[in-house]
C-alpha atoms as a PDB file:
ATOM      1  CA  MET A   1     -46.345  57.930 212.112  1.00  0.00           C
ATOM      2  CA  VAL A   2     -46.605  54.463 213.659  1.00  0.00           C
ATOM      3  CA  PHE A   3     -44.011  53.362 216.249  1.00  0.00           C
ATOM      4  CA  CYS A   4     -43.231  49.682 216.796  1.00  0.00           C
ATOM      5  CA  GLN A   5     -43.742  48.531 220.321  1.00  0.00           C
ATOM      6  CA  HIS A   6     -41.992  45.492 221.592  1.00  0.00           C
ATOM      7  CA  GLU A   7     -43.296  43.360 224.358  1.00  0.00           C
ATOM      8  CA  TYR A   8     -40.753  41.118 226.001  1.00  0.00           C
ATOM      9  CA  LEU A   9     -41.683  38.069 227.843  1.00  0.00           C
ATOM     10  CA  TYR A  10     -39.690  36.665 230.781  1.00  0.00           C
ATOM     11  CA  VAL A  11     -39.275  32.918 230.799  1.00  0.00           C
ATOM     12  CA  THR A  12     -38.897  31.088 234.178  1.00  0.00           C
ATOM     13  CA  ALA A  13     -38.203  27.428 235.144  1.00  0.00           C
ATOM     14  CA  GLU A  14     -41.973  26.898 235.573  1.00  0.00           C
ATOM     15  CA  ALA A  15     -42.461  27.445 231.731  1.00  0.00           C
ATOM     16  CA  ILE A  16     -39.884  24.888 230.668  1.00  0.00           C
ATOM     17  CA  HIS A  17     -41.189  21.371 230.060  1.00  0.00           C
ATOM     18  CA  PRO A  18     -39.773  18.121 228.649  1.00  0.00           C
ATOM     19  CA  GLY A  19     -39.131  18.406 224.902  1.00  0.00           C
ATOM     20  CA  THR A  20     -38.214  22.082 225.178  1.00  0.00           C
ATOM     21  CA  THR A  21     -35.081  23.024 223.174  1.00  0.00           C
ATOM     22  CA  VAL A  22     -32.642  25.282 225.019  1.00  0.00           C
ATOM     23  CA  HIS A  23     -29.350  26.852 224.229  1.00  0.00           C
ATOM     24  CA  TYR A  24     -27.065  26.405 227.249  1.00  0.00           C
ATOM     25  CA  ASP A  25     -23.727  28.174 227.725  1.00  0.00           C
ATOM     26  CA  TYR A  26     -21.560  26.181 230.152  1.00  0.00           C
ATOM     27  CA  ARG A  27     -17.945  26.604 231.298  1.00  0.00           C
ATOM     28  CA  THR A  28     -16.323  24.892 228.323  1.00  0.00           C
ATOM     29  CA  GLY A  29     -18.654  25.732 225.564  1.00  0.00           C
ATOM     30  CA  SER A  30     -22.172  25.862 224.490  1.00  0.00           C
ATOM     31  CA  SER A  31     -24.873  23.353 223.182  1.00  0.00           C
ATOM     32  CA  LEU A  32     -28.389  23.009 221.974  1.00  0.00           C
ATOM     33  CA  ALA A  33     -29.974  20.646 224.406  1.00  0.00           C
ATOM     34  CA  THR A  34     -33.452  19.197 225.002  1.00  0.00           C
ATOM     35  CA  VAL A  35     -35.124  19.103 228.432  1.00  0.00           C
ATOM     36  CA  ILE A  36     -35.570  15.469 229.126  1.00  0.00           C
ATOM     37  CA  GLU A  37     -37.117  15.578 232.649  1.00  0.00           C
ATOM     38  CA  LYS A  38     -38.963  18.003 234.895  1.00  0.00           C
ATOM     39  CA  THR A  39     -39.913  17.280 238.485  1.00  0.00           C
ATOM     40  CA  ASP A  40     -41.372  19.557 241.097  1.00  0.00           C
ATOM     41  CA  ARG A  41     -37.785  20.397 242.034  1.00  0.00           C
ATOM     42  CA  HIS A  42     -35.415  19.789 239.084  1.00  0.00           C
ATOM     43  CA  ILE A  43     -35.121  20.144 235.388  1.00  0.00           C
ATOM     44  CA  THR A  44     -32.734  17.872 233.507  1.00  0.00           C
ATOM     45  CA  LEU A  45     -31.422  18.699 230.069  1.00  0.00           C
ATOM     46  CA  SER A  46     -29.244  16.780 227.646  1.00  0.00           C
ATOM     47  CA  SER A  47     -27.449  16.819 224.331  1.00  0.00           C
ATOM     48  CA  GLU A  48     -24.548  15.060 222.762  1.00  0.00           C
ATOM     49  CA  ASP A  49     -22.252  17.657 224.314  1.00  0.00           C
ATOM     50  CA  CYS A  50     -23.675  18.143 227.816  1.00  0.00           C
ATOM     51  CA  HIS A  51     -25.931  16.755 230.485  1.00  0.00           C
ATOM     52  CA  GLY A  52     -27.197  18.673 233.520  1.00  0.00           C
ATOM     53  CA  LYS A  53     -29.727  18.494 236.291  1.00  0.00           C
ATOM     54  CA  PHE A  54     -30.619  21.801 237.898  1.00  0.00           C
ATOM     55  CA  ASN A  55     -33.019  23.006 240.581  1.00  0.00           C
ATOM     56  CA  TYR A  56     -35.472  25.725 239.587  1.00  0.00           C
ATOM     57  CA  ASP A  57     -33.402  28.519 241.261  1.00  0.00           C
ATOM     58  CA  GLN A  58     -30.318  27.481 239.240  1.00  0.00           C
ATOM     59  CA  ILE A  59     -32.408  27.471 236.021  1.00  0.00           C
ATOM     60  CA  ASN A  60     -33.726  30.903 236.927  1.00  0.00           C
ATOM     61  CA  SER A  61     -30.260  32.217 237.477  1.00  0.00           C
ATOM     62  CA  LEU A  62     -28.945  30.711 234.212  1.00  0.00           C
ATOM     63  CA  ILE A  63     -31.837  32.495 232.394  1.00  0.00           C
ATOM     64  CA  ASP A  64     -31.151  35.807 234.208  1.00  0.00           C
ATOM     65  CA  GLU A  65     -27.411  35.571 233.281  1.00  0.00           C
ATOM     66  CA  GLY A  66     -28.253  34.850 229.651  1.00  0.00           C
ATOM     67  CA  ARG A  67     -26.686  31.410 229.819  1.00  0.00           C
ATOM     68  CA  LEU A  68     -29.864  29.486 229.165  1.00  0.00           C
ATOM     69  CA  ARG A  69     -32.248  30.504 226.433  1.00  0.00           C
ATOM     70  CA  VAL A  70     -35.333  28.779 225.114  1.00  0.00           C
ATOM     71  CA  VAL A  71     -35.069  28.004 221.322  1.00  0.00           C
ATOM     72  CA  LEU A  72     -38.197  27.948 219.299  1.00  0.00           C
ATOM     73  CA  ASP A  73     -37.687  25.148 216.811  1.00  0.00           C
ATOM     74  CA  ASP A  74     -39.192  21.743 216.119  1.00  0.00           C
ATOM     75  CA  GLU A  75     -36.058  19.663 216.304  1.00  0.00           C
ATOM     76  CA  SER A  76     -35.051  17.522 219.324  1.00  0.00           C
ATOM     77  CA  HIS A  77     -31.410  17.707 220.220  1.00  0.00           C
ATOM     78  CA  VAL A  78     -31.209  14.515 222.201  1.00  0.00           C
ATOM     79  CA  ASP A  79     -32.108  10.882 221.375  1.00  0.00           C
ATOM     80  CA  PRO A  80     -35.997  10.563 221.775  1.00  0.00           C
ATOM     81  CA  GLU A  81     -35.611   7.314 223.770  1.00  0.00           C
ATOM     82  CA  HIS A  82     -34.045   9.553 226.632  1.00  0.00           C
ATOM     83  CA  ILE A  83     -37.178  11.792 226.787  1.00  0.00           C
ATOM     84  CA  PRO A  84     -39.676  10.290 229.295  1.00  0.00           C
ATOM     85  CA  GLY A  85     -43.130   9.658 227.755  1.00  0.00           C
ATOM     86  CA  GLN A  86     -41.852   9.753 224.074  1.00  0.00           C
END
């Protein structure tokens, strides 16, 4: 008999880069957003429904709470002209 083993990976703020799609649950709703900027202190994400700038501790707390999840798709959820370097 073969048992399936699952390996779970934990994502942190350090792994999130511009162009990453995230699902963000905020006070009044939720949205698919694209990370548009990352500095050594902050990560900024944006979509048609929301815009937010968070420090790394805030991002890690949102991940821990299940309010911010990385989405593995190939679609940007923000106008490309708002993504630096694109």
